[in-house]
């Protein structure tokens, strides 16, 4: 079956950087849009950004200019590079394949 496993979360100070990775098994990601979402405590899950099969990306306004998404179809992975992190970026970050497959999430905490 399709599985998505996120990694790379952790605790970082404001202004710092983290790189999240999502490893996919059970299917080939090359034809799919891959998305990153996040959910902060007490809030709804929201789109951070996604990358289409062509490599085109879109981002939420809140992360534009700070986050980047890349994909490695050969390795069946997608990454989220997060720079200039803010306290309000604290959330569980989820990877999504297509419209229905989700990973289990990885916690990102931005705190001094």
C-alpha atoms as a PDB file:
ATOM      1  CA  UNK A   1       0.000   0.000   0.000  1.00  0.00           C
ATOM      2  CA  UNK A   2       1.007   3.630  -0.317  1.00  0.00           C
ATOM      3  CA  UNK A   3       2.989   4.963   2.617  1.00  0.00           C
ATOM      4  CA  UNK A   4       4.428   8.406   3.286  1.00  0.00           C
ATOM      5  CA  UNK A   5       6.970   8.922   6.040  1.00  0.00           C
ATOM      6  CA  UNK A   6       8.046  12.402   7.074  1.00  0.00           C
ATOM      7  CA  UNK A   7      11.307  13.124   8.853  1.00  0.00           C
ATOM      8  CA  UNK A   8      13.464  16.049   9.854  1.00  0.00           C
ATOM      9  CA  UNK A   9      11.273  17.802  12.379  1.00  0.00           C
ATOM     10  CA  UNK A  10      12.547  19.104  15.668  1.00  0.00           C
ATOM     11  CA  UNK A  11      13.177  22.113  17.849  1.00  0.00           C
ATOM     12  CA  UNK A  12      14.774  25.182  16.308  1.00  0.00           C
ATOM     13  CA  UNK A  13      15.275  28.772  17.405  1.00  0.00           C
ATOM     14  CA  UNK A  14      13.521  31.636  15.646  1.00  0.00           C
ATOM     15  CA  UNK A  15      15.434  32.564  12.519  1.00  0.00           C
ATOM     16  CA  UNK A  16      16.761  29.054  12.119  1.00  0.00           C
ATOM     17  CA  UNK A  17      16.255  26.493   9.385  1.00  0.00           C
ATOM     18  CA  UNK A  18      14.972  22.954   9.062  1.00  0.00           C
ATOM     19  CA  UNK A  19      14.616  20.589   6.165  1.00  0.00           C
ATOM     20  CA  UNK A  20      11.777  18.100   6.162  1.00  0.00           C
ATOM     21  CA  UNK A  21      11.730  15.051   3.952  1.00  0.00           C
ATOM     22  CA  UNK A  22       8.914  12.791   2.849  1.00  0.00           C
ATOM     23  CA  UNK A  23       9.744   9.312   1.623  1.00  0.00           C
ATOM     24  CA  UNK A  24       7.054   7.561  -0.380  1.00  0.00           C
ATOM     25  CA  UNK A  25       6.660   3.845  -0.967  1.00  0.00           C
ATOM     26  CA  UNK A  26       4.036   1.812  -2.768  1.00  0.00           C
ATOM     27  CA  UNK A  27       3.699   4.131  -5.731  1.00  0.00           C
ATOM     28  CA  UNK A  28       5.746   6.381  -7.977  1.00  0.00           C
ATOM     29  CA  UNK A  29       5.452  10.049  -7.170  1.00  0.00           C
ATOM     30  CA  UNK A  30       6.452  11.435 -10.553  1.00  0.00           C
ATOM     31  CA  UNK A  31       2.878  11.853 -11.821  1.00  0.00           C
ATOM     32  CA  UNK A  32       1.480  13.330  -8.637  1.00  0.00           C
ATOM     33  CA  UNK A  33       1.258  16.713  -7.026  1.00  0.00           C
ATOM     34  CA  UNK A  34       2.991  16.521  -3.663  1.00  0.00           C
ATOM     35  CA  UNK A  35       1.899  18.814  -0.891  1.00  0.00           C
ATOM     36  CA  UNK A  36       3.059  19.957   2.514  1.00  0.00           C
ATOM     37  CA  UNK A  37       0.469  20.903   5.102  1.00  0.00           C
ATOM     38  CA  UNK A  38       0.668  21.890   8.728  1.00  0.00           C
ATOM     39  CA  UNK A  39      -1.601  21.903  11.728  1.00  0.00           C
ATOM     40  CA  UNK A  40      -0.974  23.983  14.806  1.00  0.00           C
ATOM     41  CA  UNK A  41      -2.689  23.206  18.120  1.00  0.00           C
ATOM     42  CA  UNK A  42      -6.305  24.313  18.044  1.00  0.00           C
ATOM     43  CA  UNK A  43      -6.176  25.225  14.368  1.00  0.00           C
ATOM     44  CA  UNK A  44      -7.251  23.616  11.151  1.00  0.00           C
ATOM     45  CA  UNK A  45      -4.789  21.895   8.898  1.00  0.00           C
ATOM     46  CA  UNK A  46      -3.571  24.321   6.240  1.00  0.00           C
ATOM     47  CA  UNK A  47      -1.653  24.134   3.008  1.00  0.00           C
ATOM     48  CA  UNK A  48       1.975  25.202   3.261  1.00  0.00           C
ATOM     49  CA  UNK A  49       2.734  24.604  -0.396  1.00  0.00           C
ATOM     50  CA  UNK A  50       2.845  22.009  -3.101  1.00  0.00           C
ATOM     51  CA  UNK A  51       4.854  20.955  -6.088  1.00  0.00           C
ATOM     52  CA  UNK A  52       3.288  19.676  -9.268  1.00  0.00           C
ATOM     53  CA  UNK A  53       4.556  16.924 -11.506  1.00  0.00           C
ATOM     54  CA  UNK A  54       6.175  19.603 -13.666  1.00  0.00           C
ATOM     55  CA  UNK A  55       8.035  21.032 -10.692  1.00  0.00           C
ATOM     56  CA  UNK A  56       5.889  24.145 -10.426  1.00  0.00           C
ATOM     57  CA  UNK A  57       5.331  25.252  -6.845  1.00  0.00           C
ATOM     58  CA  UNK A  58       2.798  27.302  -4.954  1.00  0.00           C
ATOM     59  CA  UNK A  59       3.037  28.533  -1.384  1.00  0.00           C
ATOM     60  CA  UNK A  60       0.855  30.017   1.269  1.00  0.00           C
ATOM     61  CA  UNK A  61       1.425  33.739   1.669  1.00  0.00           C
ATOM     62  CA  UNK A  62       2.666  33.167   5.203  1.00  0.00           C
ATOM     63  CA  UNK A  63       5.693  31.196   4.008  1.00  0.00           C
ATOM     64  CA  UNK A  64       6.470  32.746   0.626  1.00  0.00           C
ATOM     65  CA  UNK A  65      10.106  33.672   0.306  1.00  0.00           C
ATOM     66  CA  UNK A  66      11.067  31.555   3.319  1.00  0.00           C
ATOM     67  CA  UNK A  67      10.111  28.003   2.350  1.00  0.00           C
ATOM     68  CA  UNK A  68      10.978  25.950  -0.706  1.00  0.00           C
ATOM     69  CA  UNK A  69       9.763  22.585  -1.956  1.00  0.00           C
ATOM     70  CA  UNK A  70      11.711  20.192  -4.112  1.00  0.00           C
ATOM     71  CA  UNK A  71      11.144  16.700  -5.391  1.00  0.00           C
ATOM     72  CA  UNK A  72      13.456  13.859  -6.336  1.00  0.00           C
ATOM     73  CA  UNK A  73      11.441  11.498  -8.476  1.00  0.00           C
ATOM     74  CA  UNK A  74      14.332   9.062  -8.727  1.00  0.00           C
ATOM     75  CA  UNK A  75      14.394   8.694  -4.943  1.00  0.00           C
ATOM     76  CA  UNK A  76      10.614   9.012  -4.581  1.00  0.00           C
ATOM     77  CA  UNK A  77      11.027  11.807  -2.074  1.00  0.00           C
ATOM     78  CA  UNK A  78       9.887  15.375  -1.609  1.00  0.00           C
ATOM     79  CA  UNK A  79      11.480  17.938   0.678  1.00  0.00           C
ATOM     80  CA  UNK A  80      10.457  21.126   2.421  1.00  0.00           C
ATOM     81  CA  UNK A  81      13.252  23.582   3.152  1.00  0.00           C
ATOM     82  CA  UNK A  82      12.218  26.030   5.837  1.00  0.00           C
ATOM     83  CA  UNK A  83      14.302  29.130   6.454  1.00  0.00           C
ATOM     84  CA  UNK A  84      13.874  32.164   8.696  1.00  0.00           C
ATOM     85  CA  UNK A  85      11.561  30.178  10.893  1.00  0.00           C
ATOM     86  CA  UNK A  86       9.126  31.991  13.146  1.00  0.00           C
ATOM     87  CA  UNK A  87       7.376  30.948  16.335  1.00  0.00           C
ATOM     88  CA  UNK A  88       4.122  30.850  14.394  1.00  0.00           C
ATOM     89  CA  UNK A  89       5.544  28.150  12.119  1.00  0.00           C
ATOM     90  CA  UNK A  90       5.263  25.723  15.032  1.00  0.00           C
ATOM     91  CA  UNK A  91       2.996  22.871  13.955  1.00  0.00           C
ATOM     92  CA  UNK A  92       2.840  19.271  12.920  1.00  0.00           C
ATOM     93  CA  UNK A  93       3.859  19.112   9.273  1.00  0.00           C
ATOM     94  CA  UNK A  94       2.289  16.571   6.950  1.00  0.00           C
ATOM     95  CA  UNK A  95       3.182  15.346   3.507  1.00  0.00           C
ATOM     96  CA  UNK A  96       0.408  14.556   1.045  1.00  0.00           C
ATOM     97  CA  UNK A  97       0.448  12.618  -2.208  1.00  0.00           C
ATOM     98  CA  UNK A  98      -2.255  13.446  -4.689  1.00  0.00           C
ATOM     99  CA  UNK A  99      -5.628  13.939  -3.075  1.00  0.00           C
ATOM    100  CA  UNK A 100      -5.889  11.150  -0.517  1.00  0.00           C
ATOM    101  CA  UNK A 101      -2.597   9.876   0.861  1.00  0.00           C
ATOM    102  CA  UNK A 102      -1.116  11.448   3.984  1.00  0.00           C
ATOM    103  CA  UNK A 103       1.925  10.866   6.090  1.00  0.00           C
ATOM    104  CA  UNK A 104       1.841  10.612   9.864  1.00  0.00           C
ATOM    105  CA  UNK A 105       3.327  14.049  10.420  1.00  0.00           C
ATOM    106  CA  UNK A 106       6.458  15.436  12.013  1.00  0.00           C
ATOM    107  CA  UNK A 107       6.571  18.035  14.764  1.00  0.00           C
ATOM    108  CA  UNK A 108       8.299  21.346  14.152  1.00  0.00           C
ATOM    109  CA  UNK A 109       8.732  23.598  17.155  1.00  0.00           C
ATOM    110  CA  UNK A 110      10.173  27.072  16.812  1.00  0.00           C
ATOM    111  CA  UNK A 111      11.082  28.491  20.185  1.00  0.00           C
ATOM    112  CA  UNK A 112      13.855  30.315  21.968  1.00  0.00           C
END
